[in-house]
């Protein structure tokens, strides 16, 4: 498959996926929550994998939830299941980045037979007020260390700004902290600055959960990926995942923060491709089936 757009129906809701590449299927769930999935495109992986980039409900071209429905991990995991079921009769690779990694863990715990390989990228098995406070402290240290290139007070103010307002305000919040999401944004500014104009974020509630006691139940082969300089989900989060999931593989990206697939694209592609080769994945059908209709959630 190359350059296809697929629509998966979940009741009255339409979920849009962008499909590109060749080889075994890998469904990628972006972070945020509420972040447009375009930033997660991985052209190098598309040489060996059929990448399916999901636009979560209420972002991009995907429809919003019905009034009163919750944008929570249960809903996102159910939507991920609808996409996987639509595109394959067998197990597939699932890659979750940031908040998408929360969704991927939730999905793996409830659907062990549907995942050939689980790729948990820049994510954590725990999110609560304490982890957010620790991330804020690390961001503050970053801002102070780069005070000659960034305004520390403005960066912290952006991080503290509520993320449940308008698309404009939520996007502005993200843009305010964007440099800190890279290992060395300032040296590669020309390369990464275009993201500022192409990274909208919709207001969605932050998840709170603790999967640590459940990680041992994840039976799918798992790869944990993280950047050394990630102020949100760095070494501590990676250690919890590695120690909790039996037999988990791991790869640290020492020149990256939250976006290793951009900062160290060649190595990132190699690591994921090698992991995929060891996983019992399904290749996509030559003629994709019509869009599926699933029970509303």
Protein backbone atom coordinates (compact mmCIF):
# COMPACT_ATOMS: atom_id res chain seq x y z
CA UNK A 1 0.00 0.00 0.00
CA UNK A 2 1.24 3.49 -0.77
CA UNK A 3 -0.29 6.84 -0.01
CA UNK A 4 -3.76 5.55 0.82
CA UNK A 5 -6.29 7.17 3.11
CA UNK A 6 -8.59 4.75 4.89
CA UNK A 7 -11.71 5.53 6.87
CA UNK A 8 -12.81 3.17 9.64
CA UNK A 9 -16.35 3.52 10.90
CA UNK A 10 -17.08 3.15 14.60
CA UNK A 11 -20.83 3.55 14.76
CA UNK A 12 -21.47 7.09 13.47
CA UNK A 13 -17.84 8.09 13.98
CA UNK A 14 -15.29 8.16 11.16
CA UNK A 15 -11.63 7.50 12.00
CA UNK A 16 -9.15 8.48 9.30
CA UNK A 17 -5.88 6.58 8.79
CA UNK A 18 -3.04 7.30 6.39
CA UNK A 19 -1.44 4.13 5.04
CA UNK A 20 1.96 4.12 3.39
CA UNK A 21 4.80 1.67 2.84
CA UNK A 22 5.20 -2.02 2.20
CA UNK A 23 5.58 -5.12 4.30
CA UNK A 24 4.04 -6.07 7.66
CA UNK A 25 1.47 -3.75 9.22
CA UNK A 26 2.40 -1.31 11.96
CA UNK A 27 -0.38 0.86 13.39
CA UNK A 28 0.99 4.07 14.90
CA UNK A 29 -0.96 6.06 17.51
CA UNK A 30 0.24 9.64 18.06
CA UNK A 31 0.63 11.48 21.34
CA UNK A 32 -0.81 14.59 22.86
CA UNK A 33 -3.53 13.86 23.72
CA UNK A 34 -5.14 15.71 20.85
CA UNK A 35 -2.04 16.05 18.69
CA UNK A 36 -2.37 15.80 14.90
CA UNK A 37 -0.56 12.63 13.87
CA UNK A 38 1.33 14.13 10.91
CA UNK A 39 4.44 14.64 13.04
CA UNK A 40 4.74 10.88 13.53
CA UNK A 41 5.28 10.07 9.85
CA UNK A 42 8.33 7.80 9.48
CA UNK A 43 9.35 7.57 5.81
CA UNK A 44 12.38 5.39 6.51
CA UNK A 45 10.23 2.77 8.21
CA UNK A 46 7.94 2.70 5.20
CA UNK A 47 10.69 0.96 3.23
CA UNK A 48 10.09 -2.22 5.26
CA UNK A 49 6.72 -1.78 6.99
CA UNK A 50 3.24 -0.75 5.99
CA UNK A 51 2.74 2.16 8.35
CA UNK A 52 -0.81 3.05 9.40
CA UNK A 53 -0.93 6.54 10.92
CA UNK A 54 -4.13 6.98 12.91
CA UNK A 55 -5.77 10.36 13.40
CA UNK A 56 -7.48 9.90 16.79
CA UNK A 57 -11.09 10.95 17.26
CA UNK A 58 -11.52 14.70 17.28
CA UNK A 59 -8.22 15.44 15.50
CA UNK A 60 -7.46 16.09 11.86
CA UNK A 61 -10.09 14.60 9.54
CA UNK A 62 -11.40 12.13 12.15
CA UNK A 63 -14.79 12.96 13.60
CA UNK A 64 -15.35 14.13 17.17
CA UNK A 65 -17.00 12.00 19.82
CA UNK A 66 -20.72 12.36 20.43
CA UNK A 67 -21.74 14.90 23.06
CA UNK A 68 -21.18 13.44 26.52
CA UNK A 69 -18.70 10.76 25.41
CA UNK A 70 -15.29 10.74 27.06
CA UNK A 71 -11.90 11.11 25.45
CA UNK A 72 -10.32 8.53 27.75
CA UNK A 73 -7.96 5.58 27.37
CA UNK A 74 -10.83 3.09 27.10
CA UNK A 75 -12.28 4.98 24.14
CA UNK A 76 -8.96 5.44 22.38
CA UNK A 77 -8.11 1.74 22.87
CA UNK A 78 -11.49 0.71 21.45
CA UNK A 79 -10.86 2.89 18.41
CA UNK A 80 -7.41 1.37 17.98
CA UNK A 81 -9.03 -2.07 18.07
CA UNK A 82 -11.46 -1.01 15.32
CA UNK A 83 -8.56 0.07 13.11
CA UNK A 84 -6.56 -3.12 13.71
CA UNK A 85 -9.62 -5.30 13.04
CA UNK A 86 -10.39 -3.39 9.83
CA UNK A 87 -6.92 -3.73 8.38
CA UNK A 88 -5.86 -7.23 9.38
CA UNK A 89 -7.23 -10.64 10.30
CA UNK A 90 -4.09 -11.41 12.29
CA UNK A 91 -1.80 -9.74 14.82
CA UNK A 92 -0.02 -6.52 13.85
CA UNK A 93 2.68 -4.27 15.22
CA UNK A 94 1.37 -1.42 17.36
CA UNK A 95 3.49 1.68 17.99
CA UNK A 96 2.39 4.23 20.57
CA UNK A 97 4.18 7.54 21.10
CA UNK A 98 3.73 9.58 24.29
CA UNK A 99 0.02 9.54 25.10
CA UNK A 100 -0.32 7.05 22.24
CA UNK A 101 1.88 4.76 24.32
CA UNK A 102 -0.68 4.96 27.13
CA UNK A 103 -3.33 3.84 24.63
CA UNK A 104 -1.09 1.06 23.29
CA UNK A 105 -0.54 -0.32 26.81
CA UNK A 106 -4.27 -0.25 27.50
CA UNK A 107 -4.91 -2.03 24.21
CA UNK A 108 -2.20 -4.65 24.80
CA UNK A 109 -3.62 -5.49 28.22
CA UNK A 110 -7.10 -6.04 26.82
CA UNK A 111 -6.26 -7.59 23.44
CA UNK A 112 -3.16 -9.77 23.79
CA UNK A 113 -3.89 -11.83 20.69
CA UNK A 114 -4.09 -8.82 18.37
CA UNK A 115 -0.53 -7.56 18.87
CA UNK A 116 2.44 -9.18 17.15
CA UNK A 117 4.81 -6.62 18.62
CA UNK A 118 4.35 -3.65 20.93
CA UNK A 119 6.55 -0.57 20.46
CA UNK A 120 6.32 1.81 23.43
CA UNK A 121 8.01 5.01 22.35
CA UNK A 122 8.72 7.95 24.68
CA UNK A 123 5.98 6.94 27.07
CA UNK A 124 5.27 5.73 30.61
CA UNK A 125 3.18 3.21 32.56
CA UNK A 126 2.25 5.91 35.08
CA UNK A 127 0.73 9.38 34.81
CA UNK A 128 -0.47 11.42 37.77
CA UNK A 129 0.10 14.74 39.50
CA UNK A 130 3.48 13.60 40.81
CA UNK A 131 4.85 12.60 37.40
CA UNK A 132 3.63 15.90 35.94
CA UNK A 133 5.29 17.84 38.78
CA UNK A 134 8.57 16.00 38.14
CA UNK A 135 8.34 16.75 34.40
CA UNK A 136 7.70 20.40 35.15
CA UNK A 137 10.81 20.53 37.33
CA UNK A 138 12.93 18.98 34.57
CA UNK A 139 11.50 21.45 32.06
CA UNK A 140 12.33 24.31 34.40
CA UNK A 141 15.93 23.12 34.61
CA UNK A 142 16.08 22.97 30.82
CA UNK A 143 14.64 26.46 30.47
CA UNK A 144 17.12 27.94 32.93
CA UNK A 145 20.03 26.19 31.23
CA UNK A 146 18.95 27.70 27.90
CA UNK A 147 18.02 31.15 29.18
CA UNK A 148 20.25 32.77 26.54
CA UNK A 149 18.07 31.23 23.80
CA UNK A 150 14.64 30.89 25.40
CA UNK A 151 12.55 32.76 27.96
CA UNK A 152 12.36 30.45 31.00
CA UNK A 153 9.31 32.18 32.46
CA UNK A 154 7.42 32.00 29.17
CA UNK A 155 8.25 28.33 28.71
CA UNK A 156 7.05 27.38 32.18
CA UNK A 157 3.97 29.54 31.76
CA UNK A 158 3.18 27.67 28.55
CA UNK A 159 3.57 24.33 30.33
CA UNK A 160 1.28 25.46 33.16
CA UNK A 161 -1.40 26.81 30.83
CA UNK A 162 -4.59 24.67 30.95
CA UNK A 163 -4.83 22.29 28.00
CA UNK A 164 -8.62 22.17 27.90
CA UNK A 165 -9.45 25.43 26.13
CA UNK A 166 -9.54 26.17 22.38
CA UNK A 167 -7.49 24.56 19.63
CA UNK A 168 -5.63 27.86 19.29
CA UNK A 169 -4.73 28.05 22.99
CA UNK A 170 -3.83 24.36 23.25
CA UNK A 171 -1.62 24.63 20.18
CA UNK A 172 0.07 27.75 21.57
CA UNK A 173 0.81 25.85 24.77
CA UNK A 174 2.52 23.09 22.78
CA UNK A 175 4.52 25.53 20.66
CA UNK A 176 5.71 27.28 23.81
CA UNK A 177 7.52 24.18 25.04
CA UNK A 178 8.45 22.66 21.66
CA UNK A 179 12.22 23.41 21.84
CA UNK A 180 12.46 21.39 25.06
CA UNK A 181 11.05 18.35 23.27
CA UNK A 182 14.24 18.02 21.22
CA UNK A 183 17.70 17.01 22.35
CA UNK A 184 19.29 19.99 20.60
CA UNK A 185 16.62 22.14 19.01
CA UNK A 186 18.79 25.22 18.73
CA UNK A 187 21.56 23.60 16.67
CA UNK A 188 18.98 22.06 14.29
CA UNK A 189 16.47 24.87 14.38
CA UNK A 190 16.13 25.17 10.61
CA UNK A 191 15.28 21.49 10.43
CA UNK A 192 12.72 21.40 13.23
CA UNK A 193 11.23 24.91 13.28
CA UNK A 194 8.71 24.11 10.50
CA UNK A 195 6.90 21.94 13.04
CA UNK A 196 5.74 25.15 14.69
CA UNK A 197 3.45 25.84 11.77
CA UNK A 198 2.27 22.28 11.24
CA UNK A 199 1.54 20.86 14.67
CA UNK A 200 -1.99 21.72 15.81
CA UNK A 201 -3.28 20.26 19.05
CA UNK A 202 -6.91 19.87 20.08
CA UNK A 203 -7.93 20.34 23.75
CA UNK A 204 -8.22 16.92 25.38
CA UNK A 205 -8.08 15.89 29.05
CA UNK A 206 -4.82 14.47 30.37
CA UNK A 207 -5.01 10.83 31.40
CA UNK A 208 -4.27 9.62 34.91
CA UNK A 209 -3.52 5.92 35.37
CA UNK A 210 -1.09 3.43 36.85
CA UNK A 211 -0.36 0.31 34.79
CA UNK A 212 2.73 -0.75 36.75
CA UNK A 213 1.08 -3.70 38.46
CA UNK A 214 -0.43 -4.85 35.16
CA UNK A 215 2.67 -4.76 33.00
CA UNK A 216 3.58 -8.36 33.75
CA UNK A 217 0.39 -9.35 31.92
CA UNK A 218 1.64 -7.96 28.61
CA UNK A 219 2.62 -11.05 26.63
CA UNK A 220 3.38 -9.50 23.25
CA UNK A 221 7.04 -8.98 22.32
CA UNK A 222 7.78 -5.43 23.42
CA UNK A 223 10.33 -2.78 22.51
CA UNK A 224 10.82 0.26 24.74
CA UNK A 225 12.30 3.34 23.04
CA UNK A 226 13.23 6.62 24.69
CA UNK A 227 15.43 9.69 24.33
CA UNK A 228 17.96 10.51 27.00
CA UNK A 229 16.92 14.18 27.10
CA UNK A 230 13.15 13.67 27.20
CA UNK A 231 11.95 15.79 30.12
CA UNK A 232 8.54 14.06 30.14
CA UNK A 233 9.27 10.36 29.59
CA UNK A 234 12.97 9.69 29.96
CA UNK A 235 15.05 7.16 31.85
CA UNK A 236 12.75 6.69 34.85
CA UNK A 237 9.69 5.93 32.72
CA UNK A 238 11.69 3.59 30.50
CA UNK A 239 13.02 1.69 33.52
CA UNK A 240 9.48 1.10 34.80
CA UNK A 241 8.42 -0.33 31.45
CA UNK A 242 11.53 -2.47 31.02
CA UNK A 243 11.38 -3.92 34.52
CA UNK A 244 7.63 -4.52 34.39
CA UNK A 245 7.15 -6.16 30.99
CA UNK A 246 8.64 -9.66 30.78
CA UNK A 247 11.42 -9.90 28.21
CA UNK A 248 11.07 -6.31 27.02
CA UNK A 249 13.76 -5.08 24.63
CA UNK A 250 15.04 -1.54 24.94
CA UNK A 251 16.88 1.13 22.96
CA UNK A 252 18.00 4.50 24.27
CA UNK A 253 18.61 7.43 21.91
CA UNK A 254 21.32 9.54 23.52
CA UNK A 255 21.09 12.48 21.13
CA UNK A 256 17.31 12.78 21.33
CA UNK A 257 14.50 13.91 23.58
CA UNK A 258 10.85 13.24 22.74
CA UNK A 259 11.22 12.89 18.95
CA UNK A 260 13.93 10.29 18.28
CA UNK A 261 12.23 9.32 15.01
CA UNK A 262 13.24 12.77 13.71
CA UNK A 263 16.43 13.41 15.65
CA UNK A 264 18.03 10.00 15.00
CA UNK A 265 15.89 8.82 12.12
CA UNK A 266 18.27 6.24 10.63
CA UNK A 267 18.99 4.45 13.89
CA UNK A 268 15.34 4.66 14.96
CA UNK A 269 14.27 3.03 11.71
CA UNK A 270 16.90 0.31 12.05
CA UNK A 271 15.92 -0.54 15.64
CA UNK A 272 12.20 -0.76 14.86
CA UNK A 273 12.74 -2.72 11.65
CA UNK A 274 14.96 -5.28 13.37
CA UNK A 275 12.37 -5.68 16.12
CA UNK A 276 9.63 -6.12 13.50
CA UNK A 277 11.60 -8.85 11.74
CA UNK A 278 11.52 -10.91 14.92
CA UNK A 279 7.75 -10.47 15.35
CA UNK A 280 5.03 -12.68 13.75
CA UNK A 281 3.36 -9.86 11.85
CA UNK A 282 0.74 -9.95 9.13
CA UNK A 283 1.27 -8.38 5.72
CA UNK A 284 -1.62 -6.32 4.37
CA UNK A 285 -4.03 -7.77 1.85
CA UNK A 286 -3.44 -6.72 -1.74
CA UNK A 287 -7.01 -5.45 -1.96
CA UNK A 288 -8.09 -3.82 1.31
CA UNK A 289 -11.53 -4.72 2.60
CA UNK A 290 -14.32 -2.12 2.73
CA UNK A 291 -14.51 0.12 5.78
CA UNK A 292 -15.75 -1.71 8.85
CA UNK A 293 -18.63 -0.66 11.06
CA UNK A 294 -18.11 -1.22 14.77
CA UNK A 295 -20.30 -0.85 17.84
CA UNK A 296 -20.25 2.77 19.07
CA UNK A 297 -18.18 3.56 22.16
